[in-house]
Amino acid sequence: MGKYLILDIGAGTIDILYYDTNSNIHYKAVAKSPVLSLAEQASRLSGDLLITGVEMGGGTLSGVLRERVQKSKVTMSVSSAATIHHNMKKVRSWGIEVIEDEAAEGLRHDNRYNALTLGDLELERLEHAIEGLGIPFTFDVVGICAQDHGIPPDGISHLDYRHQIFKAGLDDAPYPHTLLFGDNEVPETFNRLRSIAESAKSLPADEIYVMDSGMAAILGASMDPRARGKKKIMVLDVATSHTVGAALEDGQIAGFFEYHTHDITLDRLEVLLIDLADGKLSHERILEEGGHGAYVRKAIRFEAAEIIVATGPKRRLVANSKLPIMLGAPLGDNMMTGTVGVLEAIRRRKGLQAFSYL
């Protein structure tokens, strides 16, 4: 038991949850995501740029740097360049100079460059946000989720590789919380999560855990009070960058799918939910249609689903759905879906008494 700081680092926002398990008091906040914050910083800096740090979510920042190289020199360390792409040849093909980390650090005081340090944890900004909530900046446990596709071997797409990673884990233990990792347990392929876990060691906390945000969203949505206690449920998280839908039976993942949110429509989403529950989706089919993939372990039958819970900052997509979709709010807040998922995964791992999430 103790004081928990839980972070969900997304493309649009960083969602912050503080939960005291001794008193059941919690505080929460939603702030601009690190990738948007750093993209804005990069846009404000003039002249040639020197980028150091570690891999983080790319998105908007990647676009800013690829545009910037058209008019100024952009030099990145190998570790930070993984934010743009894991293949350094491809990064260099866009006109970005990539140099070894040590060489990049040696240029940080070179007045020819304006320097920017990448990372999903802006520690000073985070500390100000927490203290602004009136909370001491010290914790027993820190849990963080973010999306990580892994580093695929040559010849395998990152979408196929992500599918293989999840399939291997869920075939063995089909619960989303089994994909939670302690800071020293993160598989080497999850470079972004490893970078986050390493950065989080600077936080004043006794324990650190990280988790993929897709799995966290599935678990968090299932903690909505109206879904608790039901045997067969479906959850949908329509986030800024990615949309994930899942079917669960007795808390086990029966299957799920992923799409880029900007590539999905309501009509397509409704078909996906029905086919997912009926066990009709295939990973290959979803890829062919432009999605990120699918995993189906068993069918729960759509007619047997007791509830469909939708969460996420862009869930207005389903506002006019023909399906009986309910808008979820674990801990009374749609934006806390990922943080609740991480908190619940830690609770299960530690064998703590159940939380209410009302």
Protein backbone atom coordinates (compact mmCIF):
# COMPACT_ATOMS: atom_id res chain seq x y z
CA MET A 1 0.00 0.00 0.00
CA GLY A 2 1.16 3.60 -0.39
CA LYS A 3 1.40 6.58 -2.69
CA TYR A 4 1.18 5.88 -6.44
CA LEU A 5 2.04 8.19 -9.34
CA ILE A 6 0.62 6.85 -12.62
CA LEU A 7 1.30 8.45 -16.02
CA ASP A 8 -0.23 7.74 -19.44
CA ILE A 9 2.00 9.34 -22.09
CA GLY A 10 0.04 9.79 -25.28
CA ALA A 11 0.34 11.67 -28.56
CA GLY A 12 -1.90 14.52 -27.42
CA THR A 13 -1.79 14.49 -23.64
CA ILE A 14 0.03 13.17 -20.63
CA ASP A 15 -2.57 11.97 -18.13
CA ILE A 16 -1.53 12.11 -14.49
CA LEU A 17 -3.07 10.14 -11.62
CA TYR A 18 -2.00 10.27 -7.99
CA TYR A 19 -3.59 7.55 -5.87
CA ASP A 20 -3.09 7.05 -2.13
CA THR A 21 -4.12 3.48 -1.35
CA ASN A 22 -4.09 4.16 2.38
CA SER A 23 -6.79 6.84 2.21
CA ASN A 24 -8.29 6.10 -1.26
CA ILE A 25 -7.79 9.78 -2.05
CA HIS A 26 -6.81 10.50 -5.63
CA TYR A 27 -5.92 13.57 -7.68
CA LYS A 28 -5.67 13.79 -11.43
CA ALA A 29 -4.63 16.12 -14.25
CA VAL A 30 -4.42 16.16 -18.05
CA ALA A 31 -1.61 18.16 -19.63
CA LYS A 32 0.02 18.69 -23.02
CA SER A 33 1.99 15.60 -24.07
CA PRO A 34 5.80 15.63 -24.01
CA VAL A 35 5.93 15.11 -27.79
CA LEU A 36 3.79 18.21 -28.40
CA SER A 37 5.77 20.21 -25.84
CA LEU A 38 9.11 19.29 -27.41
CA ALA A 39 7.80 19.81 -30.95
CA GLU A 40 6.86 23.36 -29.96
CA GLN A 41 10.30 23.90 -28.42
CA ALA A 42 11.98 22.63 -31.59
CA SER A 43 9.86 25.00 -33.70
CA ARG A 44 10.85 27.99 -31.55
CA LEU A 45 14.59 27.29 -31.74
CA SER A 46 16.40 29.07 -34.54
CA GLY A 47 19.40 27.97 -36.58
CA ASP A 48 21.00 24.53 -36.57
CA LEU A 49 19.68 21.98 -34.08
CA LEU A 50 21.51 19.43 -31.96
CA ILE A 51 19.19 16.72 -30.65
CA THR A 52 20.28 14.39 -27.84
CA GLY A 53 18.44 12.25 -25.31
CA VAL A 54 16.57 8.99 -25.83
CA GLU A 55 13.80 7.47 -27.94
CA MET A 56 10.37 8.91 -27.26
CA GLY A 57 7.05 9.07 -29.08
CA GLY A 58 7.67 10.73 -32.46
CA GLY A 59 4.50 11.90 -34.18
CA THR A 60 4.39 15.69 -34.36
CA LEU A 61 8.04 16.06 -33.34
CA SER A 62 9.22 13.81 -36.16
CA GLY A 63 7.31 15.96 -38.63
CA VAL A 64 8.86 19.15 -37.25
CA LEU A 65 12.41 17.79 -37.51
CA ARG A 66 11.92 16.40 -41.03
CA GLU A 67 10.58 19.79 -42.14
CA ARG A 68 13.32 21.69 -40.31
CA VAL A 69 16.11 19.87 -42.14
CA GLN A 70 14.96 21.58 -45.35
CA LYS A 71 16.28 24.92 -44.10
CA SER A 72 18.72 24.18 -41.25
CA LYS A 73 21.14 21.49 -40.19
CA VAL A 74 19.70 18.90 -37.80
CA THR A 75 22.15 16.65 -35.96
CA MET A 76 20.87 13.83 -33.77
CA SER A 77 22.52 11.33 -31.46
CA VAL A 78 21.89 7.67 -32.31
CA SER A 79 19.74 7.23 -29.18
CA SER A 80 17.52 10.22 -29.90
CA ALA A 81 17.28 9.42 -33.64
CA ALA A 82 15.39 6.22 -32.74
CA THR A 83 12.47 8.60 -32.13
CA ILE A 84 12.30 9.19 -35.89
CA HIS A 85 13.02 5.61 -36.99
CA HIS A 86 14.96 2.60 -35.74
CA ASN A 87 16.78 2.35 -39.07
CA MET A 88 19.55 4.96 -38.99
CA LYS A 89 20.04 4.73 -42.76
CA LYS A 90 16.45 5.83 -43.24
CA VAL A 91 16.89 8.73 -40.80
CA ARG A 92 19.99 9.86 -42.67
CA SER A 93 18.13 9.57 -45.98
CA TRP A 94 15.85 12.39 -44.80
CA GLY A 95 18.85 14.69 -44.50
CA ILE A 96 19.36 14.37 -40.75
CA GLU A 97 22.93 13.89 -39.56
CA VAL A 98 23.19 11.02 -37.07
CA ILE A 99 26.27 10.76 -34.85
CA GLU A 100 27.27 8.63 -31.88
CA ASP A 101 25.88 9.63 -28.49
CA GLU A 102 29.28 10.56 -27.06
CA ALA A 103 30.08 12.80 -30.01
CA ALA A 104 26.69 14.48 -29.70
CA GLU A 105 27.23 15.17 -26.02
CA GLY A 106 30.55 16.77 -26.92
CA LEU A 107 28.71 19.28 -29.13
CA ARG A 108 26.21 20.39 -26.51
CA HIS A 109 28.27 23.45 -25.60
CA ASP A 110 29.09 24.32 -29.21
CA ASN A 111 27.45 27.70 -29.83
CA ARG A 112 26.82 26.78 -33.47
CA TYR A 113 23.87 24.68 -32.31
CA ASN A 114 20.69 25.13 -30.35
CA ALA A 115 20.27 21.98 -28.28
CA LEU A 116 17.17 19.98 -27.43
CA THR A 117 17.02 16.87 -25.25
CA LEU A 118 14.38 14.25 -26.07
CA GLY A 119 12.57 12.03 -23.61
CA ASP A 120 9.02 11.08 -22.64
CA LEU A 121 9.60 12.29 -19.09
CA GLU A 122 10.12 16.04 -18.78
CA LEU A 123 11.08 15.74 -15.13
CA GLU A 124 11.07 19.43 -14.20
CA ARG A 125 7.73 20.04 -15.89
CA LEU A 126 6.27 16.93 -14.25
CA GLU A 127 7.47 18.03 -10.81
CA HIS A 128 5.83 21.44 -11.26
CA ALA A 129 2.57 19.79 -12.32
CA ILE A 130 2.51 17.45 -9.32
CA GLU A 131 3.39 20.16 -6.83
CA GLY A 132 0.71 22.33 -8.45
CA LEU A 133 -1.78 19.70 -7.32
CA GLY A 134 -0.59 20.20 -3.77
CA ILE A 135 1.12 16.81 -3.63
CA PRO A 136 4.65 16.19 -2.29
CA PHE A 137 6.94 15.00 -5.08
CA THR A 138 7.75 11.64 -3.52
CA PHE A 139 6.11 8.27 -4.15
CA ASP A 140 6.18 4.62 -3.21
CA VAL A 141 5.36 3.40 -6.72
CA VAL A 142 5.50 4.98 -10.18
CA GLY A 143 3.71 3.35 -13.13
CA ILE A 144 3.92 4.63 -16.71
CA CYS A 145 2.36 3.55 -19.99
CA ALA A 146 3.23 4.52 -23.56
CA GLN A 147 2.97 2.81 -26.91
CA ASP A 148 6.00 0.80 -28.03
CA HIS A 149 6.09 -1.23 -31.26
CA GLY A 150 9.40 -2.85 -30.39
CA ILE A 151 12.45 -3.04 -32.66
CA PRO A 152 11.66 -5.58 -35.39
CA PRO A 153 14.31 -7.81 -36.95
CA ASP A 154 15.24 -7.07 -40.57
CA GLY A 155 12.53 -8.10 -42.98
CA ILE A 156 9.66 -7.94 -40.45
CA SER A 157 7.37 -4.91 -40.31
CA HIS A 158 6.93 -3.18 -36.97
CA LEU A 159 3.19 -3.99 -37.12
CA ASP A 160 3.79 -7.71 -37.62
CA TYR A 161 6.42 -7.63 -34.88
CA ARG A 162 4.11 -5.90 -32.41
CA HIS A 163 1.48 -8.52 -33.18
CA GLN A 164 3.97 -11.35 -32.58
CA ILE A 165 5.03 -9.88 -29.23
CA PHE A 166 1.47 -9.56 -27.96
CA LYS A 167 0.45 -12.96 -29.31
CA ALA A 168 3.35 -14.69 -27.57
CA GLY A 169 2.47 -13.06 -24.25
CA LEU A 170 -1.30 -13.45 -24.44
CA ASP A 171 -1.27 -17.03 -25.73
CA ASP A 172 0.61 -17.93 -22.57
CA ALA A 173 -1.30 -15.73 -20.11
CA PRO A 174 -4.29 -13.90 -21.68
CA TYR A 175 -4.58 -11.08 -19.13
CA PRO A 176 -3.52 -7.51 -20.01
CA HIS A 177 -1.80 -7.05 -16.64
CA THR A 178 0.73 -9.77 -17.48
CA LEU A 179 2.32 -7.29 -19.92
CA LEU A 180 3.32 -4.96 -17.09
CA PHE A 181 7.10 -4.80 -16.52
CA GLY A 182 9.25 -3.77 -13.59
CA ASP A 183 11.98 -1.29 -14.47
CA ASN A 184 14.60 -4.05 -14.73
CA GLU A 185 12.33 -6.50 -16.59
CA VAL A 186 11.55 -4.59 -19.79
CA PRO A 187 12.36 -6.73 -22.86
CA GLU A 188 15.26 -5.28 -24.82
CA THR A 189 13.11 -4.86 -27.92
CA PHE A 190 10.90 -2.29 -26.14
CA ASN A 191 13.43 0.50 -26.45
CA ARG A 192 10.97 3.30 -25.75
CA LEU A 193 9.64 1.66 -22.59
CA ARG A 194 13.20 0.87 -21.49
CA SER A 195 14.13 4.53 -21.99
CA ILE A 196 11.13 5.62 -19.94
CA ALA A 197 11.95 3.15 -17.16
CA GLU A 198 15.55 4.36 -17.08
CA SER A 199 14.49 8.02 -16.96
CA ALA A 200 11.95 7.22 -14.25
CA LYS A 201 14.77 6.08 -11.97
CA SER A 202 15.42 9.78 -11.41
CA LEU A 203 12.01 10.08 -9.75
CA PRO A 204 11.79 9.78 -5.95
CA ALA A 205 10.11 6.36 -5.89
CA ASP A 206 10.83 2.89 -4.51
CA GLU A 207 9.30 0.91 -7.40
CA ILE A 208 8.89 1.65 -11.11
CA TYR A 209 6.68 -0.17 -13.65
CA VAL A 210 6.01 0.39 -17.35
CA MET A 211 3.36 -0.97 -19.71
CA ASP A 212 2.20 -0.60 -23.31
CA SER A 213 -0.62 1.94 -23.49
CA GLY A 214 -2.83 -0.32 -25.62
CA MET A 215 -2.91 -3.02 -22.95
CA ALA A 216 -3.34 -0.37 -20.24
CA ALA A 217 -6.35 1.11 -22.07
CA ILE A 218 -8.00 -2.30 -22.43
CA LEU A 219 -7.59 -3.06 -18.74
CA GLY A 220 -8.55 0.46 -17.65
CA ALA A 221 -11.74 0.54 -19.70
CA SER A 222 -12.76 -2.82 -18.24
CA MET A 223 -12.57 -1.21 -14.78
CA ASP A 224 -15.50 1.09 -15.55
CA PRO A 225 -18.00 0.47 -12.72
CA ARG A 226 -20.74 -0.57 -15.17
CA ALA A 227 -18.50 -3.27 -16.64
CA ARG A 228 -17.31 -4.69 -13.33
CA GLY A 229 -18.77 -8.05 -12.44
CA LYS A 230 -19.86 -8.84 -16.00
CA LYS A 231 -18.60 -12.00 -17.68
CA LYS A 232 -18.41 -10.96 -21.35
CA ILE A 233 -17.56 -7.35 -22.15
CA MET A 234 -16.18 -5.29 -25.01
CA VAL A 235 -14.07 -2.15 -24.63
CA LEU A 236 -13.05 0.52 -27.08
CA ASP A 237 -10.46 3.26 -26.55
CA VAL A 238 -10.44 5.95 -29.26
CA ALA A 239 -7.26 7.85 -28.50
CA THR A 240 -5.55 10.76 -30.24
CA SER A 241 -3.26 8.59 -32.34
CA HIS A 242 -4.45 4.98 -31.99
CA THR A 243 -7.75 3.17 -31.51
CA VAL A 244 -7.90 -0.21 -29.80
CA GLY A 245 -10.93 -2.45 -29.37
CA ALA A 246 -11.02 -5.63 -27.29
CA ALA A 247 -13.30 -8.46 -26.22
CA LEU A 248 -12.85 -9.94 -22.75
CA GLU A 249 -14.35 -12.93 -20.98
CA ASP A 250 -13.85 -13.34 -17.24
CA GLY A 251 -11.09 -10.74 -17.43
CA GLN A 252 -9.16 -12.62 -20.12
CA ILE A 253 -8.51 -11.03 -23.49
CA ALA A 254 -10.42 -12.99 -26.14
CA GLY A 255 -9.10 -10.71 -28.88
CA PHE A 256 -8.30 -7.14 -29.86
CA PHE A 257 -7.58 -4.90 -32.86
CA GLU A 258 -5.62 -1.69 -33.41
CA TYR A 259 -5.92 1.11 -35.95
CA HIS A 260 -4.60 4.61 -36.42
CA THR A 261 -7.50 6.76 -35.27
CA HIS A 262 -7.37 8.93 -38.39
CA ASP A 263 -7.83 5.81 -40.54
CA ILE A 264 -10.99 4.54 -38.88
CA THR A 265 -14.65 5.40 -39.51
CA LEU A 266 -17.72 4.70 -37.42
CA ASP A 267 -19.09 2.26 -39.98
CA ARG A 268 -15.83 0.33 -40.09
CA LEU A 269 -15.53 0.38 -36.31
CA GLU A 270 -18.98 -1.13 -35.85
CA VAL A 271 -18.14 -4.01 -38.20
CA LEU A 272 -14.81 -4.55 -36.46
CA LEU A 273 -16.45 -4.83 -33.04
CA ILE A 274 -18.99 -7.37 -34.24
CA ASP A 275 -16.43 -9.44 -36.16
CA LEU A 276 -14.00 -9.32 -33.23
CA ALA A 277 -16.58 -10.72 -30.81
CA ASP A 278 -17.57 -13.39 -33.32
CA GLY A 279 -13.94 -14.41 -33.85
CA LYS A 280 -13.89 -13.42 -37.54
CA LEU A 281 -10.92 -11.03 -37.58
CA SER A 282 -7.45 -11.91 -38.77
CA HIS A 283 -4.20 -9.99 -38.35
CA GLU A 284 -3.46 -10.21 -42.07
CA ARG A 285 -6.87 -8.88 -43.05
CA ILE A 286 -6.57 -5.87 -40.76
CA LEU A 287 -3.12 -5.05 -42.15
CA GLU A 288 -4.46 -5.24 -45.71
CA GLU A 289 -7.17 -2.75 -44.77
CA GLY A 290 -4.62 -0.31 -43.36
CA GLY A 291 -5.01 -1.21 -39.69
CA HIS A 292 -2.30 -2.11 -37.21
CA GLY A 293 -3.35 -5.69 -36.68
CA ALA A 294 -5.59 -8.00 -34.73
CA TYR A 295 -5.34 -10.87 -32.29
CA VAL A 296 -8.15 -13.39 -31.81
CA ARG A 297 -7.83 -16.14 -29.22
CA LYS A 298 -11.50 -17.11 -28.99
CA ALA A 299 -14.97 -15.85 -29.88
CA ILE A 300 -17.34 -14.54 -27.21
CA ARG A 301 -20.24 -13.94 -29.69
CA PHE A 302 -21.42 -10.38 -30.15
CA GLU A 303 -24.97 -11.23 -29.05
CA ALA A 304 -23.56 -12.48 -25.74
CA ALA A 305 -21.59 -9.32 -24.95
CA GLU A 306 -23.14 -7.71 -21.88
CA ILE A 307 -21.72 -4.21 -22.40
CA ILE A 308 -19.59 -2.17 -24.79
CA VAL A 309 -17.62 0.57 -23.04
CA ALA A 310 -15.99 3.39 -25.04
CA THR A 311 -13.26 5.65 -23.68
CA GLY A 312 -10.58 7.92 -25.11
CA PRO A 313 -10.25 11.60 -26.04
CA LYS A 314 -11.82 11.01 -29.50
CA ARG A 315 -14.65 8.70 -28.47
CA ARG A 316 -17.12 11.19 -29.96
CA LEU A 317 -16.52 9.10 -33.08
CA VAL A 318 -19.05 6.60 -31.69
CA ALA A 319 -21.60 9.16 -30.51
CA ASN A 320 -24.08 8.19 -33.25
CA SER A 321 -23.34 4.48 -33.33
CA LYS A 322 -26.09 1.98 -34.02
CA LEU A 323 -24.47 -0.33 -31.47
CA PRO A 324 -25.35 -0.08 -27.76
CA ILE A 325 -22.08 1.63 -26.81
CA MET A 326 -21.83 3.23 -23.37
CA LEU A 327 -19.37 6.02 -22.58
CA GLY A 328 -17.02 4.85 -19.85
CA ALA A 329 -15.34 6.77 -17.04
CA PRO A 330 -13.08 4.70 -14.74
CA LEU A 331 -12.43 6.75 -11.60
CA GLY A 332 -15.12 9.09 -12.91
CA ASP A 333 -12.93 10.35 -15.76
CA ASN A 334 -12.73 9.21 -19.37
CA MET A 335 -9.13 10.51 -19.60
CA MET A 336 -7.96 8.28 -16.76
CA THR A 337 -8.50 5.04 -18.69
CA GLY A 338 -4.80 4.33 -19.27
CA THR A 339 -3.70 5.37 -15.79
CA VAL A 340 -6.39 3.21 -14.19
CA GLY A 341 -5.20 0.30 -16.34
CA VAL A 342 -1.62 0.70 -15.14
CA LEU A 343 -2.75 1.10 -11.52
CA GLU A 344 -4.91 -2.02 -11.75
CA ALA A 345 -2.06 -4.00 -13.35
CA ILE A 346 0.24 -3.02 -10.48
CA ARG A 347 -2.47 -3.86 -7.93
CA ARG A 348 -2.88 -7.33 -9.39
CA ARG A 349 0.85 -7.92 -9.56
CA LYS A 350 1.29 -6.92 -5.94
CA GLY A 351 -1.80 -8.88 -4.81
CA LEU A 352 -3.41 -5.86 -3.17
CA GLN A 353 -7.01 -5.55 -2.10
CA ALA A 354 -9.36 -4.49 -4.93
CA PHE A 355 -9.84 -0.76 -5.65
CA SER A 356 -13.32 0.57 -6.44
CA TYR A 357 -12.49 2.98 -9.31
CA LEU A 358 -15.73 4.85 -8.68
